[in-house]
N, C-alpha and C. Protein backbone atom coordinates (compact mmCIF):
# COMPACT_ATOMS: atom_id res chain seq x y z
N UNK A 1 -11.01 -8.99 -20.67
CA UNK A 1 -10.89 -9.34 -19.37
C UNK A 1 -9.62 -9.54 -18.78
N UNK A 2 -8.70 -10.56 -19.80
CA UNK A 2 -7.39 -10.53 -19.13
C UNK A 2 -6.28 -9.32 -19.43
N UNK A 3 -6.69 -8.60 -20.34
CA UNK A 3 -5.78 -7.47 -20.52
C UNK A 3 -5.83 -6.31 -19.19
N UNK A 4 -7.62 -6.40 -18.73
CA UNK A 4 -7.53 -5.94 -17.28
C UNK A 4 -6.90 -5.95 -16.39
N UNK A 5 -6.89 -7.65 -16.35
CA UNK A 5 -6.40 -7.96 -14.91
C UNK A 5 -4.74 -7.80 -15.03
N UNK A 6 -4.15 -7.89 -15.94
CA UNK A 6 -2.69 -7.83 -16.03
C UNK A 6 -2.66 -6.40 -15.77
N UNK A 7 -3.04 -5.63 -16.27
CA UNK A 7 -2.92 -3.70 -16.01
C UNK A 7 -2.91 -3.75 -14.58
N UNK A 8 -4.04 -4.21 -13.97
CA UNK A 8 -4.08 -4.01 -12.53
C UNK A 8 -2.98 -4.81 -11.72
N UNK A 9 -2.45 -5.59 -12.10
CA UNK A 9 -1.25 -6.33 -11.67
C UNK A 9 -0.04 -5.40 -12.05
N UNK A 10 0.09 -4.79 -13.21
CA UNK A 10 1.14 -3.97 -13.42
C UNK A 10 1.06 -2.71 -12.52
N UNK A 11 -0.16 -2.30 -12.46
CA UNK A 11 -0.53 -0.88 -11.21
C UNK A 11 0.00 -1.23 -10.16
N UNK A 12 -0.22 -2.54 -9.78
CA UNK A 12 0.70 -2.82 -8.41
C UNK A 12 1.88 -2.98 -8.08
N UNK A 13 2.46 -3.55 -9.30
CA UNK A 13 3.91 -3.29 -9.30
C UNK A 13 4.50 -2.02 -9.59
N UNK A 14 4.10 -1.13 -10.22
CA UNK A 14 4.52 0.15 -10.21
C UNK A 14 4.27 0.54 -8.66
N UNK A 15 3.42 0.52 -7.95
CA UNK A 15 3.05 1.12 -6.70
C UNK A 15 4.30 0.59 -5.70
N UNK A 16 4.69 -0.74 -5.89
CA UNK A 16 5.83 -0.95 -5.25
C UNK A 16 7.33 -0.74 -5.69
N UNK A 17 7.23 -0.32 -6.60
CA UNK A 17 8.61 -0.05 -7.61
C UNK A 17 8.85 1.62 -7.11
N UNK A 18 7.78 2.41 -7.32
CA UNK A 18 8.15 3.87 -7.34
C UNK A 18 8.19 4.07 -5.68
N UNK A 19 7.55 3.45 -4.73
CA UNK A 19 7.48 3.48 -3.62
C UNK A 19 8.99 3.48 -2.99
N UNK A 20 9.45 2.40 -3.42
CA UNK A 20 10.93 1.90 -2.91
C UNK A 20 11.90 2.46 -3.62
N UNK A 21 11.80 3.09 -4.68
CA UNK A 21 12.60 4.14 -5.36
C UNK A 21 12.67 5.72 -5.10
N UNK A 22 11.48 5.69 -4.36
CA UNK A 22 11.24 7.07 -3.81
C UNK A 22 10.96 7.88 -4.95
N UNK A 23 10.01 7.70 -6.04
CA UNK A 23 9.73 8.13 -7.10
C UNK A 23 8.38 8.74 -7.02
N UNK A 24 8.13 9.71 -6.10
CA UNK A 24 6.90 10.14 -5.50
C UNK A 24 6.08 10.73 -6.45
N UNK A 25 6.68 11.55 -7.35
CA UNK A 25 5.64 11.96 -8.35
C UNK A 25 5.19 10.90 -9.41
N UNK A 26 5.73 9.76 -9.63
CA UNK A 26 5.30 8.72 -10.50
C UNK A 26 4.23 7.87 -9.32
N UNK A 27 4.72 7.90 -8.13
CA UNK A 27 4.14 7.13 -7.15
C UNK A 27 2.74 7.52 -6.99
N UNK A 28 2.44 8.88 -7.07
CA UNK A 28 1.13 9.42 -6.98
C UNK A 28 0.24 9.39 -8.01
N UNK A 29 0.55 8.85 -9.00
CA UNK A 29 -0.03 8.35 -10.50
C UNK A 29 -0.86 7.00 -10.23
N UNK A 30 -0.30 6.10 -9.54
CA UNK A 30 -1.18 5.14 -9.29
C UNK A 30 -2.54 4.92 -8.56
N UNK A 31 -2.68 6.32 -7.75
CA UNK A 31 -3.66 6.51 -7.18
C UNK A 31 -4.92 7.65 -7.73
N UNK A 32 -6.11 7.25 -7.31
CA UNK A 32 -7.10 8.44 -7.93
C UNK A 32 -6.74 9.42 -6.51
N UNK A 33 -6.95 11.00 -7.27
CA UNK A 33 -6.86 12.09 -6.57
C UNK A 33 -7.77 11.81 -5.15
N UNK A 34 -9.01 11.15 -5.15
CA UNK A 34 -9.89 10.99 -4.03
C UNK A 34 -9.85 9.45 -3.54
N UNK A 35 -8.65 9.14 -3.32
CA UNK A 35 -8.63 7.70 -2.88
C UNK A 35 -8.70 7.72 -1.39
N UNK A 36 -9.38 6.54 -1.09
CA UNK A 36 -9.83 6.07 0.64
C UNK A 36 -8.34 5.59 1.04
N UNK A 37 -7.79 5.78 2.07
CA UNK A 37 -6.93 4.98 2.54
C UNK A 37 -7.54 4.85 4.16
N UNK A 38 -6.87 3.08 4.34
CA UNK A 38 -6.94 2.88 5.74
C UNK A 38 -6.24 2.18 6.26
N UNK A 39 -5.37 2.29 7.51
CA UNK A 39 -3.91 1.56 7.42
C UNK A 39 -4.26 0.79 9.01
N UNK A 40 -4.14 -0.39 9.35
CA UNK A 40 -4.48 -1.04 10.56
C UNK A 40 -3.32 -0.97 10.75
N UNK A 41 -3.01 -0.39 12.42
CA UNK A 41 -1.66 0.15 12.92
C UNK A 41 -1.10 -1.17 13.84
N UNK A 42 -2.01 -2.21 13.97
CA UNK A 42 -1.69 -3.54 14.86
C UNK A 42 -2.07 -5.04 14.14
N UNK A 43 -1.60 -6.00 14.39
CA UNK A 43 -2.06 -7.16 13.83
C UNK A 43 -3.54 -7.23 14.28
N UNK A 44 -4.24 -8.05 12.89
CA UNK A 44 -5.50 -8.02 12.86
C UNK A 44 -5.66 -9.44 12.47
N UNK A 45 -5.89 -10.23 13.14
CA UNK A 45 -6.43 -11.86 12.86
C UNK A 45 -7.58 -11.82 13.22
N UNK A 46 -8.12 -13.34 13.03
CA UNK A 46 -9.13 -13.80 13.46
C UNK A 46 -10.46 -12.97 13.49
N UNK A 47 -10.41 -11.72 12.94
CA UNK A 47 -11.64 -10.97 13.63
C UNK A 47 -11.34 -9.99 14.47
N UNK A 48 -9.99 -10.01 15.09
CA UNK A 48 -9.34 -9.15 16.21
C UNK A 48 -9.41 -7.81 15.66
N UNK A 49 -9.58 -6.88 16.41
CA UNK A 49 -9.34 -5.26 16.11
C UNK A 49 -7.89 -4.77 15.78
N UNK A 50 -7.61 -4.52 14.87
CA UNK A 50 -6.23 -3.88 14.01
C UNK A 50 -5.76 -2.83 14.35
N UNK A 51 -6.38 -2.01 15.60
CA UNK A 51 -6.41 -0.74 15.46
C UNK A 51 -6.20 0.33 14.48
N UNK A 52 -7.24 0.19 13.43
CA UNK A 52 -7.45 0.75 12.62
C UNK A 52 -7.32 2.34 12.71
N UNK A 53 -6.63 3.00 12.02
CA UNK A 53 -6.78 4.47 11.71
C UNK A 53 -7.53 5.12 11.42
N UNK A 54 -7.86 6.28 11.72
CA UNK A 54 -9.11 7.03 10.89
C UNK A 54 -8.83 7.14 9.33
N UNK A 55 -9.59 7.32 8.56
CA UNK A 55 -9.53 7.09 7.06
C UNK A 55 -8.90 8.22 6.61
N UNK A 56 -8.07 7.93 5.57
CA UNK A 56 -7.22 9.22 4.77
C UNK A 56 -7.74 9.33 3.77
N UNK A 57 -8.29 10.60 3.48
CA UNK A 57 -9.14 11.42 2.12
C UNK A 57 -8.32 12.00 1.27
N UNK A 58 -8.06 11.28 -0.02
CA UNK A 58 -7.22 12.01 -0.98
C UNK A 58 -5.92 11.93 -0.69
N UNK A 59 -4.96 12.17 -1.59
CA UNK A 59 -3.84 12.04 -1.66
C UNK A 59 -2.97 13.24 -0.45
N UNK A 60 -3.91 14.29 -0.42
CA UNK A 60 -3.28 15.68 0.54
C UNK A 60 -3.11 14.83 1.73
N UNK A 61 -4.03 13.77 2.26
CA UNK A 61 -4.12 13.24 3.62
C UNK A 61 -3.21 11.95 3.73
N UNK A 62 -3.19 11.19 2.86
CA UNK A 62 -2.55 10.60 2.40
C UNK A 62 -0.67 10.22 2.31
N UNK A 63 -0.61 10.92 1.35
CA UNK A 63 0.97 11.05 1.16
C UNK A 63 1.73 11.46 2.32
N UNK A 64 1.27 12.67 3.28
CA UNK A 64 2.27 12.85 4.39
C UNK A 64 2.47 11.74 5.39
N UNK A 65 1.63 11.23 5.62
CA UNK A 65 1.53 9.51 6.25
C UNK A 65 2.51 9.12 5.75
N UNK A 66 2.63 8.63 4.65
CA UNK A 66 3.55 7.21 4.02
C UNK A 66 4.85 7.88 4.10
N UNK A 67 5.00 9.24 3.44
CA UNK A 67 6.23 9.91 3.02
C UNK A 67 7.08 9.94 4.49
N UNK A 68 6.40 10.61 5.36
CA UNK A 68 6.65 10.65 6.89
C UNK A 68 7.23 9.11 7.31
N UNK A 69 6.77 8.14 7.15
CA UNK A 69 7.30 6.60 7.53
C UNK A 69 8.33 6.12 6.63
N UNK A 70 8.55 6.59 5.42
CA UNK A 70 9.62 6.02 4.79
C UNK A 70 10.83 6.99 4.21
N UNK A 71 10.59 8.34 4.79
CA UNK A 71 11.62 9.15 4.68
C UNK A 71 12.84 8.84 5.28
N UNK A 72 14.06 9.11 4.76
CA UNK A 72 15.22 8.19 5.09
C UNK A 72 15.16 7.04 5.10
N UNK A 73 14.56 6.22 4.90
CA UNK A 73 14.48 4.61 5.16
C UNK A 73 15.17 4.08 3.99
N UNK A 74 15.53 3.01 3.60
CA UNK A 74 15.66 1.62 2.50
C UNK A 74 14.53 1.13 2.90
N UNK A 75 13.50 0.73 1.85
CA UNK A 75 12.12 -0.11 1.88
C UNK A 75 12.28 -1.07 1.26
N UNK A 76 11.45 -2.19 1.25
CA UNK A 76 11.00 -3.11 0.46
C UNK A 76 9.97 -3.20 0.66
N UNK A 77 8.87 -3.20 -0.37
CA UNK A 77 7.50 -3.74 -0.69
C UNK A 77 7.56 -4.80 -2.07
N UNK A 78 6.75 -5.85 -1.30
CA UNK A 78 6.52 -7.08 -2.31
C UNK A 78 4.93 -7.35 -2.26
N UNK A 79 4.37 -7.44 -3.26
CA UNK A 79 3.02 -7.84 -3.26
C UNK A 79 2.62 -8.92 -4.13
N UNK A 80 1.99 -10.12 -4.08
CA UNK A 80 1.98 -11.43 -4.53
C UNK A 80 0.72 -11.91 -4.56
N UNK A 81 0.78 -13.06 -4.85
CA UNK A 81 -0.59 -14.10 -5.00
C UNK A 81 -2.21 -13.00 -4.97
N UNK A 82 -2.11 -12.09 -6.04
CA UNK A 82 -3.66 -11.28 -5.93
C UNK A 82 -5.11 -12.09 -6.17
N UNK A 83 -5.74 -11.89 -5.81
CA UNK A 83 -7.11 -12.24 -5.96
C UNK A 83 -7.71 -10.85 -6.40
N UNK A 84 -7.79 -10.81 -7.88
CA UNK A 84 -8.22 -9.88 -8.62
C UNK A 84 -9.62 -10.28 -9.23
N UNK A 85 -10.70 -9.47 -8.68
CA UNK A 85 -12.16 -9.63 -9.19
C UNK A 85 -12.74 -8.33 -9.88
N UNK A 86 -12.93 -8.41 -11.59
CA UNK A 86 -13.53 -7.34 -12.01
C UNK A 86 -15.03 -7.17 -11.69
N UNK A 87 -15.62 -6.15 -11.38
CA UNK A 87 -16.75 -5.95 -10.91
C UNK A 87 -17.48 -5.14 -11.96
N UNK A 88 -16.91 -4.72 -13.30
CA UNK A 88 -17.30 -4.12 -14.30
C UNK A 88 -16.44 -4.24 -15.24
N UNK A 89 -16.75 -3.22 -16.53
CA UNK A 89 -15.65 -2.83 -17.46
C UNK A 89 -14.48 -1.91 -17.08
N UNK A 90 -15.14 -1.28 -15.91
CA UNK A 90 -14.55 -0.18 -15.51
C UNK A 90 -13.85 -0.26 -13.82
N UNK A 91 -14.54 -1.45 -13.14
CA UNK A 91 -14.19 -1.23 -11.55
C UNK A 91 -13.60 -2.39 -11.38
N UNK A 92 -12.52 -2.73 -10.23
CA UNK A 92 -12.52 -4.10 -10.06
C UNK A 92 -12.14 -4.01 -8.27
N UNK A 93 -11.97 -4.91 -7.91
CA UNK A 93 -11.18 -5.02 -6.42
C UNK A 93 -10.26 -6.29 -6.41
N UNK A 94 -9.31 -6.19 -5.13
CA UNK A 94 -8.24 -7.38 -5.25
C UNK A 94 -7.89 -7.03 -3.78
N UNK A 95 -7.21 -8.54 -3.61
CA UNK A 95 -6.66 -8.57 -2.38
C UNK A 95 -5.30 -8.98 -2.38
N UNK A 96 -4.38 -8.48 -2.03
CA UNK A 96 -2.75 -8.78 -2.17
C UNK A 96 -2.24 -9.07 -0.83
N UNK A 97 -1.59 -10.46 -0.98
CA UNK A 97 -0.60 -10.59 0.32
C UNK A 97 0.49 -9.61 0.05
N UNK A 98 1.16 -9.28 1.30
CA UNK A 98 2.27 -8.17 1.16
C UNK A 98 3.33 -8.28 2.21
N UNK A 99 4.70 -8.10 2.10
CA UNK A 99 5.39 -8.03 2.98
C UNK A 99 6.51 -6.49 2.71
N UNK A 100 6.36 -6.15 3.94
CA UNK A 100 7.50 -4.72 3.69
C UNK A 100 8.57 -4.88 4.41
N UNK A 101 9.55 -4.06 4.50
CA UNK A 101 10.80 -3.58 5.23
C UNK A 101 11.19 -2.70 4.98
N UNK A 102 11.45 -1.77 6.23
CA UNK A 102 11.87 -0.54 6.33
C UNK A 102 13.25 -0.65 7.19
N UNK A 103 14.21 -0.18 6.79
CA UNK A 103 15.52 0.06 7.44
C UNK A 103 15.93 1.36 7.76
N UNK A 104 16.06 1.85 8.56
CA UNK A 104 16.08 3.13 9.23
C UNK A 104 17.56 3.77 9.32
N UNK A 105 17.99 4.51 9.13
CA UNK A 105 19.31 5.09 9.28
C UNK A 105 19.86 4.93 10.74
N UNK A 106 19.35 4.95 11.69
CA UNK A 106 19.64 4.99 13.18
C UNK A 106 19.76 3.36 13.69
N UNK A 107 19.50 2.44 12.78
CA UNK A 107 19.54 0.79 12.86
C UNK A 107 18.34 0.15 13.25
N UNK A 108 17.40 0.85 13.42
CA UNK A 108 15.90 0.33 13.52
C UNK A 108 15.43 -0.18 12.25
N UNK A 109 14.51 -1.06 12.46
CA UNK A 109 13.74 -1.83 11.27
C UNK A 109 12.33 -2.05 11.62
N UNK A 110 11.57 -2.00 10.40
CA UNK A 110 10.09 -2.57 10.45
C UNK A 110 10.03 -3.24 9.45
N UNK A 111 9.09 -4.78 10.03
CA UNK A 111 9.21 -5.61 9.09
C UNK A 111 7.58 -5.93 9.34
N UNK A 112 7.14 -5.98 8.36
CA UNK A 112 5.52 -6.41 8.12
C UNK A 112 4.93 -7.40 7.39
N UNK A 113 4.12 -8.03 7.38
CA UNK A 113 3.12 -8.64 6.39
C UNK A 113 1.89 -8.80 6.53
N UNK A 114 0.86 -8.99 5.59
CA UNK A 114 -0.59 -8.55 5.76
C UNK A 114 -1.02 -8.71 4.23
N UNK A 115 -2.24 -7.83 4.17
CA UNK A 115 -2.84 -8.19 3.04
C UNK A 115 -2.96 -6.52 2.81
N UNK A 116 -3.30 -6.19 1.10
CA UNK A 116 -3.70 -4.61 0.60
C UNK A 116 -5.23 -5.21 0.36
N UNK A 117 -6.24 -4.70 0.70
CA UNK A 117 -7.50 -4.70 0.30
C UNK A 117 -7.80 -3.69 -0.78
N UNK A 118 -8.22 -3.60 -1.92
CA UNK A 118 -8.22 -2.76 -2.74
C UNK A 118 -9.26 -2.90 -3.62
N UNK A 119 -9.57 -1.14 -4.10
CA UNK A 119 -10.79 -1.21 -5.30
C UNK A 119 -9.94 -0.28 -6.45
N UNK A 120 -10.31 -0.45 -7.60
CA UNK A 120 -10.01 0.40 -8.70
C UNK A 120 -10.84 0.79 -9.66
N UNK A 121 -10.53 1.74 -10.24
CA UNK A 121 -11.63 2.08 -11.36
C UNK A 121 -10.77 2.43 -12.42
N UNK A 122 -10.92 2.36 -13.73
CA UNK A 122 -10.42 2.82 -14.94
C UNK A 122 -10.91 4.11 -15.35
N UNK A 123 -10.10 4.97 -15.29
CA UNK A 123 -10.41 6.47 -15.29
C UNK A 123 -9.62 6.99 -16.93
N UNK A 124 -10.38 7.61 -17.69
CA UNK A 124 -9.56 8.20 -18.56
C UNK A 124 -8.90 6.93 -19.09
N UNK A 125 -9.31 5.74 -19.16
CA UNK A 125 -8.67 4.60 -20.11
C UNK A 125 -7.44 3.94 -19.36
N UNK A 126 -7.31 4.55 -17.94
CA UNK A 126 -6.01 3.94 -16.97
C UNK A 126 -6.52 3.53 -15.29
N UNK A 127 -6.02 2.25 -15.19
CA UNK A 127 -6.62 2.12 -13.83
C UNK A 127 -6.11 2.57 -12.85
N UNK A 128 -6.46 3.28 -11.54
CA UNK A 128 -5.95 3.71 -10.87
C UNK A 128 -6.40 3.06 -9.41
N UNK A 129 -5.91 3.21 -8.17
CA UNK A 129 -6.22 2.79 -7.13
C UNK A 129 -7.04 3.67 -6.36
N UNK A 130 -8.57 3.10 -6.10
CA UNK A 130 -9.52 4.11 -5.55
C UNK A 130 -10.02 4.29 -3.95
N UNK A 131 -9.49 2.86 -3.54
CA UNK A 131 -9.29 2.62 -2.14
C UNK A 131 -8.50 1.33 -1.73
N UNK A 132 -7.66 1.64 -1.12
CA UNK A 132 -6.91 1.14 -0.01
C UNK A 132 -6.85 0.63 1.21
N UNK A 133 -6.91 -0.72 1.79
CA UNK A 133 -6.88 -0.67 3.08
C UNK A 133 -6.18 -2.13 3.73
N UNK A 134 -4.85 -1.55 4.28
CA UNK A 134 -3.98 -2.46 4.73
C UNK A 134 -3.92 -3.18 5.95
N UNK A 135 -4.04 -4.50 5.85
CA UNK A 135 -4.21 -5.08 7.49
C UNK A 135 -3.04 -5.95 7.46
N UNK A 136 -2.74 -6.24 8.95
CA UNK A 136 -1.36 -6.95 9.17
C UNK A 136 -1.70 -7.97 9.94
N UNK A 137 -0.69 -9.11 9.56
CA UNK A 137 -0.64 -10.41 9.87
C UNK A 137 0.85 -10.58 11.22
N UNK A 138 1.63 -9.92 10.57
CA UNK A 138 2.73 -9.63 11.22
C UNK A 138 3.43 -8.12 11.33
N UNK A 139 3.77 -7.66 12.40
CA UNK A 139 4.37 -6.56 12.34
C UNK A 139 5.14 -6.51 13.75
N UNK A 140 6.78 -6.22 13.38
CA UNK A 140 7.90 -6.17 13.86
C UNK A 140 8.54 -4.93 13.99
N UNK A 141 8.63 -4.44 15.08
CA UNK A 141 9.53 -3.09 14.83
C UNK A 141 10.81 -3.48 15.88
N UNK A 142 12.25 -3.15 15.34
CA UNK A 142 13.43 -3.24 16.42
C UNK A 142 13.96 -1.90 16.13
N UNK A 143 14.17 -1.46 17.22
CA UNK A 143 14.78 0.01 17.72
C UNK A 143 15.72 -0.13 17.27
N UNK A 144 16.12 1.27 16.86
CA UNK A 144 17.76 1.39 16.59
C UNK A 144 18.29 2.30 17.71
N UNK A 145 19.58 2.86 17.38
CA UNK A 145 20.28 3.69 18.47
C UNK A 145 19.57 5.10 18.70
N UNK A 146 19.63 5.48 19.41
CA UNK A 146 18.56 7.03 20.10
C UNK A 146 19.32 8.25 19.49
N UNK A 147 20.46 7.71 18.89
CA UNK A 147 21.61 9.16 18.51
C UNK A 147 21.71 8.99 17.08
N UNK A 148 21.15 8.09 16.34
CA UNK A 148 21.48 7.81 14.88
C UNK A 148 20.71 8.52 14.31
């Protein structure tokens, strides 16, 4: 049991490191190919509508959305205080507190915080993310110069 929880912690750590270092081929390995992703595009607290974008089904839909947002930006993704629940020998769920910062070449910045709500499966002996729902408690965007 403890080994599985630690494996899920390590998986999420790789998620952050691979994304921030732009090691996209390695980053893709933390997901199931059929991952389902939901990204809230506004703050959602107290049951408020987070303006949830349509579900993204599979890596082919998910990757262009994320990569388009971080391309050319310096990024920081931190995840902490996981609430991990093993639901079987090969499935689990978790909620992670998160914070991200994106610094764009034109001087613009995006700072956010919130929670990742995820599910996992152990496939071929390796844990992968099967669903991810990002909710936001803070979302602050500072515009950069138009010419940058």
